[in-house]
Protein backbone atom coordinates (compact mmCIF):
# COMPACT_ATOMS: atom_id res chain seq x y z
CA MET A 1 64.66 -98.26 -66.06
CA LYS A 2 65.94 -100.75 -63.53
CA LEU A 3 66.90 -99.05 -60.29
CA LEU A 4 69.83 -100.56 -58.40
CA GLN A 5 68.87 -98.79 -55.22
CA LYS A 6 65.62 -97.61 -53.70
CA ALA A 7 65.24 -93.82 -53.69
CA LYS A 8 65.70 -92.23 -50.29
CA LYS A 9 62.90 -89.96 -49.13
CA SER A 10 65.25 -88.32 -46.60
CA LEU A 11 67.40 -87.05 -49.50
CA GLY A 12 64.40 -86.03 -51.63
CA GLN A 13 65.48 -88.43 -54.39
CA ASN A 14 63.51 -88.56 -57.65
CA PHE A 15 65.63 -89.63 -60.60
CA LEU A 16 65.10 -87.98 -63.99
CA THR A 17 64.85 -90.72 -66.60
CA ASP A 18 63.36 -89.05 -69.71
CA ASN A 19 66.09 -88.59 -72.34
CA ASN A 20 64.22 -85.91 -74.28
CA ILE A 21 63.97 -83.75 -71.14
CA ILE A 22 67.62 -84.46 -70.25
CA ASN A 23 68.71 -83.28 -73.73
CA LYS A 24 66.57 -80.13 -73.46
CA ILE A 25 68.09 -79.26 -70.08
CA VAL A 26 71.68 -79.81 -71.28
CA GLU A 27 71.10 -77.65 -74.39
CA ILE A 28 70.39 -74.59 -72.18
CA GLY A 29 74.02 -74.68 -70.94
CA ASN A 30 75.74 -74.26 -74.34
CA ILE A 31 78.52 -76.61 -73.22
CA ASN A 32 81.78 -76.78 -75.15
CA LYS A 33 85.26 -78.26 -74.63
CA ASN A 34 86.46 -75.22 -72.65
CA LYS A 35 83.67 -75.38 -70.06
CA THR A 36 83.68 -76.72 -66.53
CA VAL A 37 80.36 -78.11 -65.31
CA MET A 38 79.04 -78.89 -61.85
CA GLU A 39 76.05 -81.16 -61.37
CA ILE A 40 74.21 -81.01 -58.04
CA GLY A 41 72.75 -84.41 -57.18
CA ALA A 42 74.12 -86.65 -59.93
CA GLY A 43 71.91 -89.62 -58.93
CA TYR A 44 72.36 -92.43 -61.46
CA GLY A 45 74.36 -90.22 -63.83
CA ASN A 46 71.72 -89.90 -66.57
CA LEU A 47 72.27 -86.14 -66.90
CA THR A 48 76.01 -86.53 -66.21
CA LYS A 49 76.42 -88.86 -69.19
CA THR A 50 74.69 -86.44 -71.57
CA ILE A 51 76.81 -83.52 -70.27
CA ALA A 52 79.95 -85.61 -70.86
CA SER A 53 78.83 -86.36 -74.43
CA MET A 54 78.83 -82.58 -75.10
CA GLY A 55 82.59 -82.57 -74.51
CA ALA A 56 82.86 -80.52 -71.31
CA LYS A 57 86.47 -80.01 -70.17
CA LYS A 58 85.67 -81.02 -66.59
CA ILE A 59 82.56 -82.26 -64.76
CA PHE A 60 82.19 -82.19 -60.99
CA ALA A 61 79.34 -84.58 -60.17
CA ILE A 62 78.21 -83.90 -56.59
CA GLU A 63 76.31 -86.69 -54.86
CA LYS A 64 75.57 -86.99 -51.13
CA ASP A 65 74.41 -90.63 -51.18
CA LYS A 66 77.42 -92.96 -50.66
CA LYS A 67 75.81 -95.93 -52.42
CA LEU A 68 75.07 -93.83 -55.49
CA VAL A 69 78.65 -92.52 -55.45
CA SER A 70 79.93 -96.12 -55.73
CA LEU A 71 77.62 -96.71 -58.70
CA LEU A 72 78.70 -93.46 -60.36
CA LYS A 73 82.40 -94.26 -59.90
CA GLU A 74 81.88 -97.61 -61.56
CA LYS A 75 79.75 -96.18 -64.36
CA PHE A 76 82.23 -93.40 -65.21
CA LYS A 77 85.54 -95.15 -64.43
CA ASN A 78 86.68 -94.70 -68.05
CA TYR A 79 85.80 -90.99 -68.23
CA ASN A 80 88.82 -88.77 -67.55
CA ASN A 81 86.77 -85.56 -67.39
CA ILE A 82 84.31 -86.64 -64.65
CA LYS A 83 85.13 -86.26 -60.94
CA ILE A 84 82.60 -87.79 -58.53
CA ILE A 85 82.42 -85.91 -55.21
CA ASN A 86 80.65 -87.46 -52.22
CA ARG A 87 79.69 -84.31 -50.29
CA ASP A 88 76.81 -82.05 -49.31
CA ILE A 89 76.47 -79.23 -51.84
CA LEU A 90 75.64 -76.71 -49.08
CA ASN A 91 79.08 -77.31 -47.51
CA ILE A 92 80.82 -76.93 -50.89
CA ILE A 93 79.05 -73.60 -51.52
CA GLU A 94 79.91 -72.38 -48.01
CA GLU A 95 83.61 -73.18 -48.42
CA ASN A 96 83.65 -71.20 -51.67
CA LYS A 97 86.85 -72.77 -53.07
CA LEU A 98 85.66 -73.20 -56.63
CA GLU A 99 86.86 -72.49 -60.14
CA GLN A 100 85.41 -69.56 -62.07
CA ASN A 101 82.75 -69.56 -64.82
CA ILE A 102 81.21 -72.91 -63.94
CA ILE A 103 77.96 -74.04 -65.58
CA VAL A 104 75.79 -75.52 -62.82
CA PHE A 105 73.03 -78.09 -63.40
CA GLY A 106 70.78 -79.46 -60.71
CA ASN A 107 67.66 -81.55 -60.38
CA LEU A 108 67.42 -80.25 -56.82
CA PRO A 109 66.04 -82.34 -53.97
CA TYR A 110 62.63 -80.81 -53.22
CA ASN A 111 63.27 -80.66 -49.49
CA ILE A 112 66.32 -78.34 -49.69
CA SER A 113 65.97 -76.66 -53.11
CA THR A 114 65.27 -73.18 -51.68
CA ARG A 115 68.19 -73.43 -49.23
CA ILE A 116 70.55 -74.31 -52.08
CA LEU A 117 69.30 -71.41 -54.21
CA ALA A 118 69.51 -68.91 -51.32
CA SER A 119 73.09 -69.95 -50.55
CA LEU A 120 74.03 -69.40 -54.22
CA ILE A 121 72.46 -65.92 -54.16
CA LEU A 122 73.87 -64.74 -50.82
CA LEU A 123 77.55 -65.29 -51.66
CA LYS A 124 79.75 -62.47 -50.38
CA LYS A 125 81.89 -62.23 -53.50
CA TRP A 126 80.05 -60.99 -56.61
CA PRO A 127 80.01 -61.66 -59.56
CA PRO A 128 80.08 -65.28 -58.36
CA TRP A 129 82.07 -68.33 -59.47
CA TYR A 130 79.20 -69.64 -61.61
CA GLU A 131 78.36 -68.46 -65.12
CA ILE A 132 74.81 -69.82 -65.16
CA LEU A 133 72.58 -71.97 -62.93
CA ILE A 134 70.20 -74.39 -64.69
CA LEU A 135 68.03 -75.79 -61.93
CA MET A 136 64.85 -77.81 -61.60
CA PHE A 137 62.35 -77.02 -58.88
CA GLN A 138 58.93 -78.11 -57.76
CA LYS A 139 56.56 -76.06 -59.99
CA GLU A 140 55.03 -74.11 -57.11
CA VAL A 141 58.50 -73.15 -55.84
CA ALA A 142 59.48 -71.99 -59.36
CA GLU A 143 56.31 -69.86 -59.46
CA ARG A 144 57.36 -68.20 -56.21
CA ILE A 145 60.83 -67.48 -57.62
CA ILE A 146 59.52 -65.76 -60.77
CA ALA A 147 56.49 -64.11 -59.12
CA LYS A 148 55.83 -60.39 -59.61
CA THR A 149 54.79 -57.94 -56.94
CA GLN A 150 51.03 -57.67 -56.17
CA THR A 151 50.57 -61.45 -56.58
CA LYS A 152 50.00 -64.01 -53.83
CA GLU A 153 53.11 -65.98 -54.90
CA PHE A 154 55.39 -62.94 -54.49
CA GLY A 155 57.63 -63.31 -51.45
CA ARG A 156 61.14 -63.71 -50.10
CA LEU A 157 62.28 -66.03 -52.90
CA SER A 158 61.17 -63.56 -55.60
CA VAL A 159 62.95 -60.66 -53.89
CA LEU A 160 66.19 -62.57 -53.25
CA SER A 161 66.36 -64.17 -56.73
CA ASN A 162 65.76 -60.97 -58.65
CA TRP A 163 68.24 -58.99 -56.58
CA ARG A 164 71.32 -60.52 -58.20
CA LEU A 165 70.08 -62.83 -60.95
CA GLU A 166 68.34 -62.66 -64.32
CA VAL A 167 65.77 -65.45 -64.01
CA LYS A 168 64.25 -67.25 -67.00
CA LYS A 169 61.60 -69.96 -67.07
CA HIS A 170 62.25 -72.66 -69.70
CA PHE A 171 59.65 -75.44 -69.40
CA ASN A 172 57.64 -77.62 -67.06
CA VAL A 173 58.51 -81.30 -66.57
CA SER A 174 55.79 -83.92 -66.06
CA ASN A 175 56.01 -86.23 -63.06
CA ASN A 176 56.05 -89.13 -65.59
CA CYS A 177 59.67 -88.21 -66.42
CA PHE A 178 60.95 -89.37 -63.01
CA PHE A 179 61.41 -92.56 -61.06
CA PRO A 180 60.05 -92.89 -58.49
CA LYS A 181 57.20 -90.78 -59.83
CA PRO A 182 56.65 -87.70 -57.62
CA LYS A 183 53.16 -86.30 -57.05
CA ILE A 184 54.03 -82.89 -58.50
CA THR A 185 55.11 -81.21 -61.73
CA SER A 186 58.60 -79.69 -61.93
CA THR A 187 59.91 -76.57 -63.69
CA VAL A 188 63.33 -75.79 -65.19
CA LEU A 189 64.66 -72.27 -64.57
CA SER A 190 67.98 -70.66 -65.46
CA PHE A 191 69.74 -67.89 -63.53
CA LYS A 192 72.45 -65.59 -64.90
CA PRO A 193 74.32 -63.32 -62.47
CA LYS A 194 73.79 -59.58 -62.93
CA LYS A 195 77.26 -58.08 -63.33
CA ASN A 196 76.32 -54.58 -62.21
CA ASN A 197 73.90 -54.28 -59.33
CA GLN A 198 72.73 -50.83 -58.29
CA PHE A 199 71.64 -52.21 -54.91
CA ASN A 200 75.03 -53.35 -53.69
CA LEU A 201 75.10 -54.58 -50.09
CA LYS A 202 78.33 -55.13 -48.13
CA ASN A 203 76.66 -58.04 -46.37
CA PRO A 204 74.03 -59.94 -48.42
CA LYS A 205 72.65 -61.43 -45.18
CA ASN A 206 71.07 -58.01 -44.50
CA LEU A 207 68.61 -58.54 -47.35
CA GLU A 208 67.92 -62.04 -46.07
CA ARG A 209 67.10 -60.59 -42.62
CA VAL A 210 64.93 -57.75 -43.98
CA THR A 211 62.83 -60.11 -46.13
CA ARG A 212 62.54 -62.71 -43.36
CA ILE A 213 61.16 -60.17 -40.90
CA LEU A 214 58.89 -58.27 -43.29
CA PHE A 215 57.37 -61.43 -44.78
CA SER A 216 56.93 -63.16 -41.41
CA ASN A 217 53.26 -62.05 -41.28
CA ARG A 218 52.53 -61.74 -44.97
CA ARG A 219 48.78 -61.24 -44.55
CA LYS A 220 49.23 -58.36 -42.14
CA ILE A 221 50.41 -54.81 -42.82
CA ILE A 222 54.15 -54.25 -42.45
CA ASN A 223 53.90 -51.52 -39.78
CA LYS A 224 54.72 -53.71 -36.76
CA ASN A 225 57.54 -55.66 -38.41
CA PHE A 226 59.04 -52.54 -39.97
CA ASN A 227 59.19 -50.86 -36.57
CA LYS A 228 60.73 -54.01 -35.11
CA LEU A 229 63.38 -54.00 -37.85
CA PHE A 230 64.29 -50.34 -37.41
CA LYS A 231 63.71 -50.13 -33.64
CA GLN A 232 60.87 -47.62 -33.95
CA ASN A 233 62.92 -45.28 -36.19
CA LYS A 234 60.18 -43.36 -38.04
CA THR A 235 62.45 -41.53 -40.48
CA VAL A 236 63.32 -44.57 -42.66
CA ALA A 237 59.77 -45.14 -43.92
CA LYS A 238 59.37 -41.40 -44.51
CA ASN A 239 62.66 -41.08 -46.44
CA LEU A 240 61.81 -44.08 -48.64
CA ASN A 241 58.19 -42.98 -49.05
CA ILE A 242 56.85 -46.29 -47.78
CA ASN A 243 53.25 -46.71 -46.71
CA LEU A 244 53.42 -48.89 -43.59
CA ASN A 245 49.77 -49.86 -44.03
CA GLN A 246 50.69 -52.04 -47.00
CA ARG A 247 51.16 -55.80 -46.93
CA PRO A 248 54.62 -57.11 -47.87
CA GLU A 249 53.51 -58.47 -51.27
CA GLU A 250 52.34 -54.97 -52.23
CA LEU A 251 55.90 -53.61 -52.11
CA SER A 252 58.18 -53.87 -55.15
CA SER A 253 61.46 -55.79 -55.06
CA GLU A 254 63.32 -52.47 -55.42
CA ILE A 255 61.74 -51.19 -52.19
CA PHE A 256 63.05 -54.23 -50.31
CA TYR A 257 66.56 -53.57 -51.69
CA LYS A 258 66.35 -49.93 -50.57
CA ILE A 259 65.14 -51.01 -47.12
CA ALA A 260 68.11 -53.43 -46.87
CA LEU A 261 70.54 -50.64 -47.82
CA GLN A 262 69.06 -48.42 -45.09
CA TYR A 263 69.23 -51.27 -42.58
CA GLU A 264 72.90 -51.88 -43.42
CA LYS A 265 73.66 -48.16 -43.11
CA LEU A 266 72.11 -47.93 -39.64
CA PHE A 267 73.10 -51.22 -38.06
CA ASN A 268 76.35 -52.44 -39.67
């Protein structure tokens, strides 16, 4: 594939060029003529073109790089259903002025992939505007997202992701499928919003705060950080039957959700 522009390291650009992988990714979305699709980081439009061929009603192709936006506008000038948007996806998510039931695809830039995912999880309004997220991550990040308790990969990403989303691993993607070729393997995951969540927080940022503090010294027992979080209030651990001599990865996701509910009750 001839590249018209050098990939920018600052934007974490690695362009997916393998058509077999592109087709496999698009198939996960079950696109039809009634569906609206958003693509995060459209790049050279390889995935965009395949999505368009599936007959989506509308495609919002988000691309931060101005030069790539010019190329995309030229490439898709005869497509009525594709709108190229030259913006930062984090700002679009924050504004939250989007249609409902959007299918979201993204070969996420490695340097901000976890920030994008967290912002999509911590939306105030739930169920959210998206129907499904089909996202590609660095393999080791994907392993942290799907990790189970009692494993070394289990952490904040696992707790946040499983709070509101049903997460499914689809397949790994070799570094040979990209240009420029990254040093790592990638993994495609999909995320479907849970409609009914028994751990319903008024402010999702409370879970973000709880996990950030409790995982800040992941090799140490949680006692010190727990006391910091609850300002030495001893009754919370007792009421939730939590052993403060455990390390954070030894707690289940459900325990973190219960801690966040208690935190919200006491401090909000």
